[in-house]
Each structure stands twice: as structure tokens, then as C-alpha cells.
Amino acid sequence: MIKTMTIQLITQGNSDIHDITEEVQDLLRQADLQNGIVTIFCPSSTSAITTIEHESGCFSDLRRMLDQIVDPNQPYAHNSRWGDGNGHSHIRAALLGPSLTVPFVNGHLTLGTWQQIIFIDFDVRSRRRELVVQIMGE
């Protein structure tokens, strides 16, 4: 069986991080399936989904590393063309990726003890985001 649901978010942009683990687990409960996989997808080119420990130090370290790898103050051809200042946002999103798949067993996500599912909005302004959650299982 396949069930498709959504998660709604309002974000602040600029590497705004949201822990969506509980929302995903709640949707899994609603789907009433026991074993399978959950895929979370963000239909956006300036945001990403990954896992990390939901802890302020980890968030700070992640933001610092992203600033070092994809410096927002560098010139980006995208900014020259569109003038929206979010060229770095697209690159960061491309590096982390728009989706994550997590197996579930006996109705529970198989995440590690300190592993949470996070959504990161890299855009330069606040946004309304709708994540697609597709649950496949039995």
C-alpha cells in the first residue's frame, strides 16, 4: 500500500532548521502500516532534508561548515542573472539533497538514538514549505 501525505512549514530562511521527526512519525501512525519505507521530499531547489542530532551545537557546526563550503558572500552566476541573492542556497540544497528515505518496522521509524530528521531552508527569506511524505508498506 502507498499513502501520500504532507507536512506544512513556515520557515525563516538562512539555514533555518526544523526537526520534523515527530511529524513524520505521526503521519506513519495515521497511515496504519507496520513495515516499509517512508520517503520525505521537499519540492524546492533551496532547501534540503537530512538527519543529524537535534542539538544546538550540531546545528551551529553544520551552519559553520556550510558557510565554509558554500560561502554566501561569494559571487554566484545565479545572483547575477536573477538578482535574488540566493545562489548559495541552491548550491547548499543540491549538496544535501531534496529527499530522505527511512525504513520503518512495527510502525516505528528505524532512526538511531540521536538521529532526527531535519528540514533546512537555505533561502534568503521566509517561506511556506510543503513537504511530501510518501509511505510504502504493509
N, C-alpha and C. Protein backbone atom coordinates (compact mmCIF):
# COMPACT_ATOMS: atom_id res chain seq x y z
N MET A 1 0.83 -1.17 0.00
CA MET A 1 0.00 0.00 0.00
C MET A 1 0.89 1.24 0.00
N ILE A 2 0.44 2.28 -0.68
CA ILE A 2 1.16 3.55 -0.74
C ILE A 2 0.22 4.65 -0.26
N LYS A 3 0.71 5.46 0.66
CA LYS A 3 -0.05 6.61 1.16
C LYS A 3 0.82 7.85 1.01
N THR A 4 0.22 8.92 0.51
CA THR A 4 0.93 10.18 0.33
C THR A 4 0.29 11.25 1.19
N MET A 5 1.11 11.92 1.99
CA MET A 5 0.64 12.95 2.91
C MET A 5 1.59 14.14 2.82
N THR A 6 1.30 15.20 3.56
CA THR A 6 2.17 16.39 3.52
C THR A 6 2.43 16.93 4.93
N ILE A 7 3.50 17.67 5.04
CA ILE A 7 3.84 18.43 6.24
C ILE A 7 3.97 19.89 5.81
N GLN A 8 3.31 20.78 6.51
CA GLN A 8 3.36 22.21 6.23
C GLN A 8 4.33 22.90 7.19
N LEU A 9 5.17 23.76 6.66
CA LEU A 9 6.12 24.51 7.49
C LEU A 9 6.15 25.97 7.08
N ILE A 10 6.38 26.84 8.04
CA ILE A 10 6.71 28.24 7.77
C ILE A 10 8.14 28.41 8.27
N THR A 11 9.02 28.84 7.39
CA THR A 11 10.44 28.91 7.73
C THR A 11 10.93 30.35 7.69
N GLN A 12 12.09 30.56 8.29
CA GLN A 12 12.70 31.89 8.32
C GLN A 12 13.81 32.04 7.28
N GLY A 13 14.18 30.95 6.60
CA GLY A 13 15.28 31.02 5.64
C GLY A 13 16.62 31.12 6.34
N ASN A 14 17.67 31.32 5.56
CA ASN A 14 19.03 31.50 6.09
C ASN A 14 19.46 30.34 6.99
N SER A 15 19.32 29.12 6.47
CA SER A 15 19.68 27.88 7.17
C SER A 15 18.82 27.62 8.40
N ASP A 16 17.54 27.95 8.29
CA ASP A 16 16.57 27.67 9.35
C ASP A 16 16.33 26.16 9.39
N ILE A 17 16.53 25.56 10.56
CA ILE A 17 16.44 24.10 10.73
C ILE A 17 15.19 23.73 11.51
N HIS A 18 14.46 22.76 10.98
CA HIS A 18 13.25 22.25 11.64
C HIS A 18 13.39 20.75 11.84
N ASP A 19 13.18 20.29 13.08
CA ASP A 19 13.13 18.87 13.38
C ASP A 19 11.72 18.39 13.01
N ILE A 20 11.61 17.52 12.01
CA ILE A 20 10.31 17.04 11.56
C ILE A 20 10.08 15.57 11.92
N THR A 21 10.91 15.03 12.79
CA THR A 21 10.83 13.61 13.14
C THR A 21 9.45 13.24 13.68
N GLU A 22 8.94 14.00 14.63
CA GLU A 22 7.63 13.69 15.23
C GLU A 22 6.50 13.79 14.21
N GLU A 23 6.57 14.80 13.33
CA GLU A 23 5.54 14.93 12.30
C GLU A 23 5.53 13.71 11.38
N VAL A 24 6.73 13.23 11.02
CA VAL A 24 6.82 12.05 10.15
C VAL A 24 6.29 10.82 10.89
N GLN A 25 6.67 10.65 12.15
CA GLN A 25 6.18 9.51 12.93
C GLN A 25 4.66 9.57 13.09
N ASP A 26 4.10 10.77 13.29
CA ASP A 26 2.64 10.93 13.40
C ASP A 26 1.95 10.52 12.10
N LEU A 27 2.51 10.92 10.96
CA LEU A 27 1.92 10.52 9.68
C LEU A 27 2.00 9.00 9.50
N LEU A 28 3.09 8.41 9.96
CA LEU A 28 3.23 6.95 9.89
C LEU A 28 2.14 6.27 10.72
N ARG A 29 1.86 6.81 11.91
CA ARG A 29 0.77 6.25 12.74
C ARG A 29 -0.56 6.36 12.02
N GLN A 30 -0.81 7.52 11.40
CA GLN A 30 -2.05 7.73 10.66
C GLN A 30 -2.18 6.77 9.49
N ALA A 31 -1.07 6.44 8.86
CA ALA A 31 -1.09 5.52 7.70
C ALA A 31 -1.46 4.10 8.11
N ASP A 32 -1.24 3.78 9.39
CA ASP A 32 -1.59 2.47 9.94
C ASP A 32 -0.92 1.32 9.18
N LEU A 33 0.36 1.49 8.90
CA LEU A 33 1.16 0.45 8.27
C LEU A 33 2.23 0.01 9.25
N GLN A 34 2.68 -1.23 9.15
CA GLN A 34 3.63 -1.78 10.12
C GLN A 34 5.08 -1.79 9.64
N ASN A 35 5.30 -2.16 8.39
CA ASN A 35 6.66 -2.32 7.88
C ASN A 35 6.77 -1.77 6.47
N GLY A 36 7.86 -1.04 6.21
CA GLY A 36 8.04 -0.48 4.88
C GLY A 36 9.05 0.64 4.91
N ILE A 37 8.82 1.65 4.05
CA ILE A 37 9.72 2.80 3.98
C ILE A 37 8.90 4.09 3.91
N VAL A 38 9.48 5.15 4.46
CA VAL A 38 8.92 6.49 4.38
C VAL A 38 9.91 7.35 3.61
N THR A 39 9.43 8.04 2.60
CA THR A 39 10.27 8.99 1.87
C THR A 39 9.72 10.38 2.12
N ILE A 40 10.60 11.29 2.52
CA ILE A 40 10.25 12.69 2.73
C ILE A 40 10.94 13.48 1.62
N PHE A 41 10.17 14.28 0.90
CA PHE A 41 10.69 15.02 -0.25
C PHE A 41 10.29 16.49 -0.15
N CYS A 42 11.25 17.38 -0.39
CA CYS A 42 10.92 18.81 -0.42
C CYS A 42 10.98 19.29 -1.88
N PRO A 43 9.82 19.68 -2.42
CA PRO A 43 9.80 20.20 -3.78
C PRO A 43 10.27 21.65 -3.81
N SER A 44 11.56 21.82 -3.63
CA SER A 44 12.18 23.15 -3.55
C SER A 44 13.63 23.01 -3.95
N SER A 45 14.15 24.01 -4.63
CA SER A 45 15.56 23.97 -5.01
C SER A 45 16.45 24.76 -4.06
N THR A 46 15.87 25.25 -2.96
CA THR A 46 16.67 25.99 -1.98
C THR A 46 16.50 25.44 -0.56
N SER A 47 16.12 24.17 -0.45
CA SER A 47 16.00 23.54 0.86
C SER A 47 16.41 22.08 0.75
N ALA A 48 16.60 21.44 1.91
CA ALA A 48 17.09 20.07 1.91
C ALA A 48 16.56 19.31 3.13
N ILE A 49 16.71 17.99 3.06
CA ILE A 49 16.33 17.11 4.16
C ILE A 49 17.50 16.17 4.44
N THR A 50 17.80 16.00 5.73
CA THR A 50 18.86 15.09 6.14
C THR A 50 18.59 14.63 7.56
N THR A 51 19.56 13.95 8.15
CA THR A 51 19.47 13.58 9.56
C THR A 51 20.67 14.15 10.30
N ILE A 52 20.46 14.44 11.56
CA ILE A 52 21.51 14.92 12.46
C ILE A 52 20.95 14.85 13.87
N GLU A 53 21.80 14.93 14.85
CA GLU A 53 21.32 15.03 16.22
C GLU A 53 20.70 16.42 16.42
N HIS A 54 19.49 16.45 16.97
CA HIS A 54 18.80 17.72 17.20
C HIS A 54 19.38 18.37 18.45
N GLU A 55 20.49 19.06 18.26
CA GLU A 55 21.23 19.66 19.36
C GLU A 55 21.87 20.94 18.84
N SER A 56 21.81 22.01 19.63
CA SER A 56 22.24 23.33 19.16
C SER A 56 23.70 23.34 18.69
N GLY A 57 24.58 22.59 19.34
CA GLY A 57 25.97 22.53 18.90
C GLY A 57 26.11 21.92 17.53
N CYS A 58 25.37 20.85 17.27
CA CYS A 58 25.39 20.23 15.93
C CYS A 58 24.88 21.21 14.88
N PHE A 59 23.81 21.93 15.22
CA PHE A 59 23.26 22.90 14.27
C PHE A 59 24.28 24.00 13.98
N SER A 60 24.92 24.50 15.00
CA SER A 60 25.93 25.54 14.84
C SER A 60 27.09 25.04 13.98
N ASP A 61 27.55 23.83 14.26
CA ASP A 61 28.65 23.24 13.48
C ASP A 61 28.25 23.05 12.02
N LEU A 62 27.02 22.57 11.79
CA LEU A 62 26.55 22.36 10.42
C LEU A 62 26.50 23.69 9.67
N ARG A 63 25.93 24.71 10.28
CA ARG A 63 25.85 26.03 9.63
C ARG A 63 27.25 26.58 9.32
N ARG A 64 28.18 26.44 10.28
CA ARG A 64 29.55 26.93 10.09
C ARG A 64 30.22 26.20 8.92
N MET A 65 30.06 24.88 8.87
CA MET A 65 30.68 24.11 7.78
C MET A 65 30.07 24.49 6.43
N LEU A 66 28.76 24.69 6.39
CA LEU A 66 28.13 25.10 5.14
C LEU A 66 28.63 26.48 4.70
N ASP A 67 28.83 27.38 5.66
CA ASP A 67 29.39 28.69 5.32
C ASP A 67 30.80 28.55 4.75
N GLN A 68 31.58 27.60 5.26
CA GLN A 68 32.94 27.39 4.75
C GLN A 68 32.93 26.74 3.37
N ILE A 69 32.03 25.81 3.16
CA ILE A 69 31.98 25.09 1.89
C ILE A 69 31.31 25.91 0.80
N VAL A 70 30.20 26.56 1.16
CA VAL A 70 29.42 27.36 0.19
C VAL A 70 29.18 28.73 0.82
N ASP A 71 30.17 29.58 0.71
CA ASP A 71 30.16 30.92 1.31
C ASP A 71 29.09 31.79 0.64
N PRO A 72 28.14 32.31 1.41
CA PRO A 72 27.09 33.14 0.81
C PRO A 72 27.61 34.48 0.27
N ASN A 73 28.81 34.87 0.66
CA ASN A 73 29.37 36.15 0.22
C ASN A 73 30.18 36.06 -1.07
N GLN A 74 30.27 34.88 -1.64
CA GLN A 74 30.97 34.71 -2.92
C GLN A 74 30.04 35.13 -4.06
N PRO A 75 30.61 35.47 -5.21
CA PRO A 75 29.76 35.79 -6.37
C PRO A 75 29.18 34.49 -6.97
N TYR A 76 27.90 34.52 -7.29
CA TYR A 76 27.22 33.38 -7.91
C TYR A 76 26.56 33.85 -9.20
N ALA A 77 26.76 33.11 -10.27
CA ALA A 77 26.17 33.47 -11.55
C ALA A 77 24.65 33.57 -11.46
N HIS A 78 24.05 32.71 -10.63
CA HIS A 78 22.60 32.75 -10.45
C HIS A 78 22.16 34.13 -9.94
N ASN A 79 22.91 34.69 -9.00
CA ASN A 79 22.57 36.01 -8.47
C ASN A 79 22.68 37.09 -9.54
N SER A 80 23.69 36.97 -10.40
CA SER A 80 23.85 37.94 -11.49
C SER A 80 22.67 37.90 -12.44
N ARG A 81 22.18 36.70 -12.70
CA ARG A 81 21.08 36.55 -13.65
C ARG A 81 19.74 36.99 -13.06
N TRP A 82 19.46 36.58 -11.81
CA TRP A 82 18.14 36.81 -11.24
C TRP A 82 18.10 37.91 -10.19
N GLY A 83 19.24 38.25 -9.59
CA GLY A 83 19.29 39.32 -8.61
C GLY A 83 18.59 39.02 -7.30
N ASP A 84 18.37 37.75 -7.00
CA ASP A 84 17.64 37.42 -5.77
C ASP A 84 18.56 37.04 -4.60
N GLY A 85 19.87 36.97 -4.83
CA GLY A 85 20.81 36.76 -3.75
C GLY A 85 20.81 35.38 -3.12
N ASN A 86 20.20 34.40 -3.77
CA ASN A 86 20.14 33.07 -3.16
C ASN A 86 20.90 32.01 -3.95
N GLY A 87 21.90 32.41 -4.70
CA GLY A 87 22.70 31.44 -5.45
C GLY A 87 23.31 30.38 -4.54
N HIS A 88 23.82 30.81 -3.40
CA HIS A 88 24.40 29.86 -2.44
C HIS A 88 23.35 28.89 -1.91
N SER A 89 22.10 29.34 -1.79
CA SER A 89 21.02 28.49 -1.29
C SER A 89 20.79 27.29 -2.20
N HIS A 90 20.83 27.52 -3.50
CA HIS A 90 20.66 26.45 -4.47
C HIS A 90 21.79 25.43 -4.38
N ILE A 91 23.01 25.91 -4.23
CA ILE A 91 24.17 25.01 -4.16
C ILE A 91 24.11 24.17 -2.89
N ARG A 92 23.80 24.80 -1.76
CA ARG A 92 23.70 24.06 -0.49
C ARG A 92 22.62 22.98 -0.57
N ALA A 93 21.48 23.33 -1.13
CA ALA A 93 20.39 22.37 -1.26
C ALA A 93 20.80 21.20 -2.16
N ALA A 94 21.51 21.51 -3.23
CA ALA A 94 21.96 20.45 -4.14
C ALA A 94 22.94 19.50 -3.46
N LEU A 95 23.78 20.03 -2.59
CA LEU A 95 24.76 19.19 -1.90
C LEU A 95 24.10 18.24 -0.90
N LEU A 96 23.12 18.72 -0.15
CA LEU A 96 22.47 17.86 0.85
C LEU A 96 21.35 17.00 0.26
N GLY A 97 20.63 17.53 -0.70
CA GLY A 97 19.60 16.75 -1.38
C GLY A 97 18.19 17.01 -0.90
N PRO A 98 17.21 16.75 -1.79
CA PRO A 98 15.82 17.09 -1.51
C PRO A 98 15.01 16.00 -0.83
N SER A 99 15.61 14.82 -0.57
CA SER A 99 14.78 13.75 -0.01
C SER A 99 15.58 12.83 0.90
N LEU A 100 14.83 12.07 1.69
CA LEU A 100 15.40 11.11 2.61
C LEU A 100 14.42 9.94 2.70
N THR A 101 14.95 8.72 2.70
CA THR A 101 14.12 7.53 2.88
C THR A 101 14.55 6.83 4.16
N VAL A 102 13.56 6.50 5.00
CA VAL A 102 13.80 5.84 6.28
C VAL A 102 12.93 4.59 6.35
N PRO A 103 13.51 3.43 6.64
CA PRO A 103 12.70 2.24 6.85
C PRO A 103 11.91 2.35 8.15
N PHE A 104 10.78 1.65 8.22
CA PHE A 104 10.06 1.53 9.48
C PHE A 104 9.71 0.07 9.73
N VAL A 105 9.73 -0.30 11.01
CA VAL A 105 9.46 -1.67 11.44
C VAL A 105 8.49 -1.60 12.62
N ASN A 106 7.46 -2.41 12.57
CA ASN A 106 6.44 -2.42 13.63
C ASN A 106 5.88 -1.03 13.89
N GLY A 107 5.71 -0.25 12.81
CA GLY A 107 5.12 1.08 12.91
C GLY A 107 6.02 2.17 13.44
N HIS A 108 7.32 1.90 13.58
CA HIS A 108 8.25 2.90 14.12
C HIS A 108 9.41 3.13 13.16
N LEU A 109 9.79 4.40 13.02
CA LEU A 109 10.97 4.74 12.22
C LEU A 109 12.20 4.09 12.82
N THR A 110 13.10 3.61 11.98
CA THR A 110 14.30 2.91 12.46
C THR A 110 15.48 3.86 12.60
N LEU A 111 15.24 5.03 13.18
CA LEU A 111 16.29 6.02 13.38
C LEU A 111 17.16 5.62 14.57
N GLY A 112 18.41 6.05 14.56
CA GLY A 112 19.31 5.82 15.68
C GLY A 112 18.90 6.67 16.88
N THR A 113 19.47 6.37 18.02
CA THR A 113 19.11 7.04 19.28
C THR A 113 19.19 8.56 19.17
N TRP A 114 20.24 9.08 18.57
CA TRP A 114 20.45 10.52 18.50
C TRP A 114 20.21 11.08 17.10
N GLN A 115 19.47 10.36 16.30
CA GLN A 115 19.26 10.74 14.90
C GLN A 115 17.84 11.28 14.71
N GLN A 116 17.74 12.51 14.25
CA GLN A 116 16.45 13.10 13.93
C GLN A 116 16.43 13.51 12.45
N ILE A 117 15.22 13.60 11.93
CA ILE A 117 15.03 14.05 10.55
C ILE A 117 14.87 15.56 10.59
N ILE A 118 15.71 16.25 9.81
CA ILE A 118 15.61 17.71 9.79
C ILE A 118 15.39 18.24 8.37
N PHE A 119 14.66 19.33 8.32
CA PHE A 119 14.45 20.10 7.10
C PHE A 119 15.22 21.40 7.28
N ILE A 120 15.99 21.79 6.27
CA ILE A 120 16.76 23.04 6.33
C ILE A 120 16.36 23.92 5.15
N ASP A 121 15.95 25.14 5.47
CA ASP A 121 15.61 26.11 4.43
C ASP A 121 16.79 27.05 4.26
N PHE A 122 17.42 26.98 3.10
CA PHE A 122 18.60 27.80 2.82
C PHE A 122 18.28 29.12 2.13
N ASP A 123 17.03 29.32 1.74
CA ASP A 123 16.70 30.55 1.01
C ASP A 123 16.99 31.76 1.88
N VAL A 124 16.94 32.94 1.28
CA VAL A 124 17.34 34.17 1.98
C VAL A 124 16.15 34.90 2.60
N ARG A 125 14.98 34.28 2.57
CA ARG A 125 13.79 34.90 3.17
C ARG A 125 12.86 33.82 3.69
N SER A 126 11.87 34.23 4.45
CA SER A 126 10.92 33.26 4.99
C SER A 126 10.07 32.69 3.85
N ARG A 127 9.60 31.48 4.09
CA ARG A 127 8.83 30.76 3.06
C ARG A 127 7.78 29.88 3.72
N ARG A 128 6.75 29.56 2.95
CA ARG A 128 5.83 28.48 3.29
C ARG A 128 6.33 27.27 2.51
N ARG A 129 6.53 26.18 3.20
CA ARG A 129 7.02 24.96 2.55
C ARG A 129 6.04 23.82 2.78
N GLU A 130 5.86 23.03 1.76
CA GLU A 130 5.05 21.82 1.87
C GLU A 130 5.94 20.64 1.50
N LEU A 131 6.14 19.75 2.46
CA LEU A 131 6.94 18.55 2.23
C LEU A 131 6.01 17.40 1.87
N VAL A 132 6.42 16.59 0.93
CA VAL A 132 5.64 15.42 0.54
C VAL A 132 6.21 14.23 1.29
N VAL A 133 5.33 13.50 1.95
CA VAL A 133 5.71 12.29 2.69
C VAL A 133 4.97 11.12 2.06
N GLN A 134 5.74 10.21 1.49
CA GLN A 134 5.14 9.03 0.86
C GLN A 134 5.55 7.79 1.66
N ILE A 135 4.54 7.05 2.07
CA ILE A 135 4.73 5.89 2.92
C ILE A 135 4.34 4.65 2.13
N MET A 136 5.28 3.73 2.00
CA MET A 136 5.01 2.48 1.27
C MET A 136 5.25 1.31 2.22
N GLY A 137 4.26 0.46 2.34
CA GLY A 137 4.44 -0.67 3.24
C GLY A 137 3.21 -1.54 3.34
N GLU A 138 3.25 -2.36 4.39
CA GLU A 138 2.14 -3.29 4.63
C GLU A 138 1.73 -3.23 6.08
